[in-house]
């Protein structure tokens, strides 16, 4: 699967990338992160988008385990 496919098939990932594209993190500058987003969507050598959901799932488990230890 290509990185673009991960973007298209994961709504949460797509929303995150779209917020970056929108200029939210760059005071409205929609061009600042354009090279980064382009690299992620079209030339993701490190498979960051492929790993996104696994990272989120792991973080959710870590958070749940931390919460459970305080109960």
Protein backbone atom coordinates (compact mmCIF):
# COMPACT_ATOMS: atom_id res chain seq x y z
CA UNK A 1 0.00 0.00 0.00
CA UNK A 2 1.22 3.51 -0.78
CA UNK A 3 1.28 6.33 1.78
CA UNK A 4 -1.54 8.09 -0.11
CA UNK A 5 -3.68 4.98 0.49
CA UNK A 6 -3.13 5.22 4.25
CA UNK A 7 -4.19 8.85 4.11
CA UNK A 8 -7.32 8.00 2.12
CA UNK A 9 -8.31 4.98 4.22
CA UNK A 10 -7.83 6.37 7.73
CA UNK A 11 -10.25 9.17 8.59
CA UNK A 12 -8.39 10.26 11.72
CA UNK A 13 -5.05 10.40 9.88
CA UNK A 14 -6.68 12.32 7.02
CA UNK A 15 -8.12 14.85 9.50
CA UNK A 16 -4.71 15.33 11.15
CA UNK A 17 -2.96 15.90 7.81
CA UNK A 18 -5.75 18.23 6.69
CA UNK A 19 -5.34 20.37 9.81
CA UNK A 20 -1.64 20.73 9.00
CA UNK A 21 -2.50 21.59 5.37
CA UNK A 22 -5.04 24.20 6.53
CA UNK A 23 -2.34 26.36 8.13
CA UNK A 24 -3.61 25.80 11.67
CA UNK A 25 -0.07 25.28 13.02
CA UNK A 26 1.52 27.99 10.91
CA UNK A 27 -0.62 31.08 11.54
CA UNK A 28 -2.59 30.49 8.37
CA UNK A 29 0.42 29.91 6.11
CA UNK A 30 -0.74 26.99 3.98
CA UNK A 31 2.63 26.75 2.22
CA UNK A 32 4.91 26.36 5.24
CA UNK A 33 4.33 22.63 5.72
CA UNK A 34 3.60 21.86 2.07
CA UNK A 35 6.99 20.14 1.52
CA UNK A 36 6.52 18.02 4.63
CA UNK A 37 2.98 17.01 3.71
CA UNK A 38 4.02 16.28 0.14
CA UNK A 39 6.83 14.10 1.38
CA UNK A 40 4.49 12.19 3.68
CA UNK A 41 1.79 11.68 1.07
CA UNK A 42 3.91 10.93 -2.00
CA UNK A 43 7.42 9.91 -0.92
CA UNK A 44 7.19 8.43 2.58
CA UNK A 45 10.46 6.44 2.72
CA UNK A 46 10.13 5.83 6.45
CA UNK A 47 6.51 4.60 6.22
CA UNK A 48 5.33 7.08 8.86
CA UNK A 49 1.75 7.04 7.63
CA UNK A 50 1.76 3.24 7.55
CA UNK A 51 2.77 3.23 11.23
CA UNK A 52 0.31 5.91 12.31
CA UNK A 53 -2.55 3.66 13.42
CA UNK A 54 -0.23 1.28 15.28
CA UNK A 55 1.25 4.23 17.15
CA UNK A 56 -2.21 5.55 18.08
CA UNK A 57 -3.36 2.10 19.21
CA UNK A 58 -0.24 1.64 21.35
CA UNK A 59 -0.62 5.09 22.88
CA UNK A 60 -4.23 4.29 23.75
CA UNK A 61 -3.10 1.10 25.53
CA UNK A 62 -0.39 2.99 27.43
CA UNK A 63 -2.91 5.62 28.51
CA UNK A 64 -5.40 2.98 29.59
CA UNK A 65 -2.75 1.09 31.59
CA UNK A 66 -1.65 4.29 33.29
CA UNK A 67 -5.27 5.11 34.13
CA UNK A 68 -5.89 1.59 35.43
CA UNK A 69 -2.92 1.70 37.82
CA UNK A 70 -4.40 4.76 39.54
CA UNK A 71 -7.78 3.10 40.11
